Protein backbone atom coordinates (compact mmCIF):
# COMPACT_ATOMS: atom_id res chain seq x y z
CA MET A 1 0.00 0.00 0.00
CA GLU A 2 1.32 3.47 -0.89
CA SER A 3 2.24 5.49 2.20
CA ALA A 4 0.83 8.95 2.83
CA ALA A 5 4.31 10.42 2.44
CA SER A 6 4.96 8.78 -0.94
CA HIS A 7 1.48 9.75 -2.13
CA ALA A 8 2.18 13.37 -1.19
CA GLU A 9 5.45 13.29 -3.11
CA SER A 10 3.82 11.88 -6.26
CA SER A 11 0.66 14.02 -6.25
CA PRO A 12 0.35 17.05 -8.51
CA PRO A 13 0.71 20.43 -6.80
CA PRO A 14 -2.36 22.40 -5.75
CA LEU A 15 -3.70 24.52 -8.58
CA HIS A 16 -3.81 27.74 -6.54
CA VAL A 17 -1.69 28.63 -3.52
CA ALA A 18 -2.29 31.86 -1.59
CA ILE A 19 0.11 33.21 1.03
CA ILE A 20 -0.31 35.74 3.83
CA MET A 21 3.23 37.09 4.03
CA ASP A 22 3.68 37.93 7.71
CA GLY A 23 6.66 38.58 9.93
CA ASN A 24 8.88 41.14 8.17
CA GLY A 25 8.83 43.49 11.16
CA ARG A 26 9.43 40.74 13.70
CA TRP A 27 12.29 39.36 11.61
CA ALA A 28 13.89 42.82 11.55
CA LYS A 29 13.46 43.27 15.31
CA THR A 30 14.99 39.84 15.99
CA HIS A 31 18.02 40.81 13.90
CA GLY A 32 18.34 44.30 15.40
CA LEU A 33 17.44 45.97 12.10
CA PRO A 34 14.88 48.62 11.09
CA ARG A 35 11.51 47.43 9.79
CA ALA A 36 12.45 48.61 6.30
CA ALA A 37 15.22 45.99 6.24
CA GLY A 38 12.65 43.31 7.03
CA HIS A 39 10.45 44.44 4.16
CA LYS A 40 13.44 44.38 1.81
CA ARG A 41 14.27 40.82 2.82
CA GLY A 42 10.60 40.00 2.39
CA ALA A 43 10.80 41.14 -1.24
CA GLU A 44 13.66 38.70 -1.75
CA ALA A 45 11.45 35.94 -0.34
CA VAL A 46 8.79 36.87 -2.92
CA ARG A 47 11.31 36.30 -5.70
CA ARG A 48 12.33 32.90 -4.30
CA THR A 49 8.74 31.81 -3.80
CA VAL A 50 7.63 32.79 -7.31
CA GLU A 51 10.52 30.81 -8.80
CA CYS A 52 9.77 27.79 -6.62
CA ALA A 53 6.02 27.86 -7.37
CA ARG A 54 6.73 27.97 -11.09
CA ASP A 55 9.23 25.08 -10.81
CA MET A 56 6.69 23.01 -8.84
CA GLY A 57 4.00 23.46 -11.48
CA ILE A 58 1.66 25.57 -9.36
CA SER A 59 -0.59 27.49 -11.75
CA TYR A 60 -1.74 30.37 -9.51
CA LEU A 61 0.15 32.06 -6.69
CA THR A 62 -1.56 34.89 -4.80
CA LEU A 63 0.42 36.96 -2.31
CA TYR A 64 -1.11 39.27 0.30
CA ALA A 65 1.30 42.16 -0.20
CA PHE A 66 -0.50 45.15 1.35
CA SER A 67 -3.88 45.08 3.03
CA SER A 68 -6.50 47.81 3.18
CA GLU A 69 -5.75 47.98 6.92
CA ASN A 70 -2.03 48.50 6.29
CA TRP A 71 -2.78 52.11 5.34
CA LYS A 72 -3.17 52.69 9.11
CA ARG A 73 0.53 52.00 9.70
CA PRO A 74 2.92 54.90 10.40
CA ALA A 75 3.29 57.14 7.34
CA SER A 76 7.04 56.50 7.20
CA GLU A 77 6.51 52.74 7.00
CA VAL A 78 3.83 53.09 4.30
CA THR A 79 6.23 55.32 2.34
CA ASP A 80 8.98 52.69 2.63
CA LEU A 81 6.58 49.94 1.51
CA MET A 82 5.42 51.93 -1.51
CA ALA A 83 9.03 52.66 -2.47
CA LEU A 84 9.83 48.96 -2.25
CA LEU A 85 6.77 48.17 -4.37
CA ARG A 86 7.94 50.63 -7.03
CA LEU A 87 11.38 49.03 -7.01
CA TYR A 88 9.93 45.53 -7.29
CA LEU A 89 7.69 46.44 -10.21
CA ARG A 90 10.49 48.23 -12.07
CA ASN A 91 13.05 45.47 -11.53
CA GLU A 92 11.01 42.28 -11.70
CA ILE A 93 8.56 42.67 -14.60
CA ALA A 94 11.15 41.74 -17.22
CA ASN A 95 12.24 38.73 -15.15
CA LEU A 96 8.65 37.58 -14.69
CA ASP A 97 8.07 37.89 -18.42
CA ARG A 98 11.21 35.91 -19.29
CA ASN A 99 10.03 33.10 -17.02
CA GLY A 100 6.49 32.95 -18.42
CA VAL A 101 4.87 34.46 -15.32
CA ARG A 102 1.71 36.52 -15.73
CA LEU A 103 1.30 39.40 -13.27
CA ARG A 104 -2.07 40.46 -11.90
CA VAL A 105 -2.91 42.92 -9.13
CA ILE A 106 -6.15 42.93 -7.15
CA GLY A 107 -7.37 45.55 -4.70
CA ASP A 108 -8.30 49.22 -4.54
CA ARG A 109 -5.92 50.96 -6.92
CA SER A 110 -7.45 54.38 -6.23
CA ARG A 111 -5.31 54.68 -3.08
CA LEU A 112 -2.05 53.85 -4.85
CA GLY A 113 0.20 56.46 -6.43
CA ARG A 114 -0.32 57.20 -10.12
CA ASP A 115 3.18 56.01 -10.97
CA ILE A 116 2.56 52.71 -9.16
CA VAL A 117 -0.73 52.20 -11.01
CA ALA A 118 1.07 52.91 -14.29
CA LEU A 119 3.75 50.33 -13.45
CA ILE A 120 1.07 47.79 -12.55
CA GLU A 121 -0.81 48.35 -15.80
CA GLU A 122 2.41 48.14 -17.81
CA GLY A 123 3.36 44.89 -16.10
CA GLU A 124 -0.06 43.34 -16.58
CA VAL A 125 -0.03 44.14 -20.29
CA LYS A 126 3.57 43.00 -20.82
CA THR A 127 3.03 39.64 -19.11
CA GLY A 128 -0.61 39.15 -20.09
CA ASN A 129 -0.04 36.24 -22.47
CA ASN A 130 2.22 34.22 -20.14
CA ARG A 131 0.91 30.88 -18.89
CA ALA A 132 3.60 29.21 -16.75
CA LEU A 133 2.26 30.84 -13.57
CA THR A 134 -0.20 33.58 -12.69
CA LEU A 135 1.23 35.73 -9.90
CA THR A 136 -1.45 37.85 -8.22
CA LEU A 137 -0.44 40.57 -5.80
CA ALA A 138 -3.17 41.68 -3.40
CA LEU A 139 -2.45 45.39 -2.90
CA SER A 140 -4.62 47.77 -0.90
CA TYR A 141 -6.85 44.71 -0.64
CA GLY A 142 -9.42 43.62 1.94
CA GLY A 143 -11.82 40.69 1.70
CA ARG A 144 -14.74 42.51 3.32
CA GLN A 145 -14.22 45.52 1.10
CA GLU A 146 -14.20 43.23 -1.93
CA LEU A 147 -17.55 41.75 -0.89
CA VAL A 148 -19.02 45.23 -0.37
CA ARG A 149 -17.80 46.16 -3.86
CA ALA A 150 -19.49 43.05 -5.29
CA ALA A 151 -22.74 43.81 -3.42
CA ARG A 152 -22.78 47.32 -4.84
CA ALA A 153 -22.26 45.95 -8.36
CA LEU A 154 -25.17 43.54 -7.87
CA ALA A 155 -27.37 46.37 -6.55
CA ARG A 156 -26.57 48.53 -9.56
CA ASP A 157 -27.43 45.68 -11.92
CA VAL A 158 -30.76 45.09 -10.16
CA ALA A 159 -31.59 48.81 -10.16
CA ALA A 160 -30.81 49.01 -13.88
CA GLY A 161 -33.02 46.02 -14.66
CA ARG A 162 -30.09 43.89 -15.83
CA LEU A 163 -30.62 41.35 -13.03
CA PHE A 164 -33.54 40.09 -10.97
CA PRO A 165 -32.99 39.73 -7.20
CA ASP A 166 -33.88 36.03 -7.34
CA ASP A 167 -31.11 35.52 -9.90
CA ILE A 168 -28.45 36.45 -7.35
CA ASP A 169 -26.61 33.27 -6.40
CA GLU A 170 -23.05 32.28 -5.50
CA ALA A 171 -21.97 32.44 -9.13
CA ALA A 172 -23.34 35.96 -9.50
CA VAL A 173 -21.35 37.11 -6.48
CA ALA A 174 -18.17 35.33 -7.60
CA GLN A 175 -18.37 36.95 -11.03
CA ARG A 176 -18.14 40.37 -9.40
CA LEU A 177 -15.06 39.68 -7.30
CA PHE A 178 -11.54 40.71 -8.25
CA THR A 179 -10.79 37.01 -8.75
CA ALA A 180 -13.66 36.27 -11.12
CA ASP A 181 -11.40 34.62 -13.71
CA MET A 182 -9.32 32.61 -11.20
CA PRO A 183 -9.95 29.34 -9.37
CA ASP A 184 -10.41 29.55 -5.62
CA PRO A 185 -7.26 28.83 -3.60
CA ASP A 186 -6.70 25.22 -2.63
CA LEU A 187 -4.10 26.10 -0.02
CA VAL A 188 -3.67 29.22 2.10
CA ILE A 189 -0.38 29.60 3.95
CA ARG A 190 0.37 32.12 6.69
CA THR A 191 3.88 32.66 7.98
CA SER A 192 5.26 33.89 11.31
CA GLY A 193 3.06 31.92 13.67
CA GLU A 194 -0.21 33.86 13.62
CA LYS A 195 -3.32 31.72 13.09
CA ARG A 196 -5.88 33.93 11.36
CA ILE A 197 -6.64 34.96 7.77
CA SER A 198 -6.80 38.72 8.39
CA ASN A 199 -9.44 39.72 5.84
CA PHE A 200 -7.75 37.83 2.99
CA LEU A 201 -9.81 36.14 0.24
CA LEU A 202 -12.73 35.59 2.61
CA TRP A 203 -15.17 34.32 -0.03
CA GLN A 204 -12.60 32.43 -2.06
CA SER A 205 -11.06 30.56 0.88
CA ALA A 206 -14.30 28.90 2.03
CA TYR A 207 -12.89 25.41 1.43
CA ALA A 208 -9.17 26.11 1.28
CA GLU A 209 -6.78 24.11 3.42
CA LEU A 210 -4.98 26.36 5.91
CA VAL A 211 -1.33 25.90 6.87
CA PHE A 212 0.24 28.10 9.56
CA LEU A 213 4.02 28.21 9.75
CA ASP A 214 6.23 29.65 12.50
CA VAL A 215 8.91 30.83 10.05
CA PRO A 216 8.85 34.59 9.37
CA TRP A 217 8.27 35.60 5.78
CA PRO A 218 11.85 36.79 5.06
CA ASP A 219 13.07 33.24 5.83
CA PHE A 220 10.41 31.54 3.68
CA GLY A 221 11.66 29.62 0.67
CA ARG A 222 11.55 26.38 -1.28
CA ASP A 223 11.75 24.08 1.75
CA GLU A 224 8.81 25.79 3.46
CA LEU A 225 6.63 25.86 0.34
CA GLU A 226 7.30 22.20 -0.41
CA ALA A 227 6.56 21.26 3.21
CA ALA A 228 3.24 23.14 3.10
CA VAL A 229 2.28 21.37 -0.12
CA ARG A 230 3.14 17.99 1.43
CA ASP A 231 0.91 18.88 4.37
CA PHE A 232 -1.86 19.80 1.92
CA HIS A 233 -1.63 16.41 0.22
CA ARG A 234 -1.93 14.56 3.51
CA ARG A 235 -5.38 16.05 4.11
CA GLU A 236 -8.73 14.77 2.89
CA ARG A 237 -10.78 17.53 1.25
CA ARG A 238 -14.48 16.72 1.71
CA TYR A 239 -16.20 20.07 0.99
CA GLY A 240 -18.75 19.37 3.71
CA ALA A 241 -19.39 15.73 2.77
CA ALA A 242 -18.83 12.74 5.05
CA ALA A 243 -15.42 11.12 5.18
CA ALA A 244 -14.84 8.27 2.74
CA GLY A 245 -15.27 4.81 4.23
């Protein structure tokens, strides 16, 4: 009989992996460095993780890069994060394109700087035909805010006579989310020891497997991603049904 470990090794990777990247500040504090240094090391972990996900055959990787609540952080830290985002977009788009990675960004772009929005749009167009991996960055994103946005879209459609109230179902809601053209995540990973999803992909993660790791995000890499995927394969996904046997 095939063991659970060997089955995990031979199974295909999850289609969609989403990661809550947590622990940059704590990593910096542990190392006696400013928070900005932790965010910079976190950006390096993004690069490693994208490369590993592509090598593993994962089709969709979604990273929680900046939440709608993160705007409440000190202005100096937000400025540092936006500067790092600019640097990432300027430096990494060509690399993503060379490696067949499609870039997408979800969230409220109205709060981002015009130059950042322009870089995002440029990157999405440049990489739009790539198919090796879809990398989605959740920026200025909140799950509750996304659901409110979808509800408003549904209300407008009903008011305009394009939709009857009784026609509103799960599919109608899903079609009005930022992720309408993506599969729901199979696996959601959170780093740095916290055990909550913090307003991330609330609708989409209804049946996702959750893996919480103690490692801070700047130390995350291939070993941690592969271990999380092995954990995923050891679980039985029942979607509310009774266990087999």
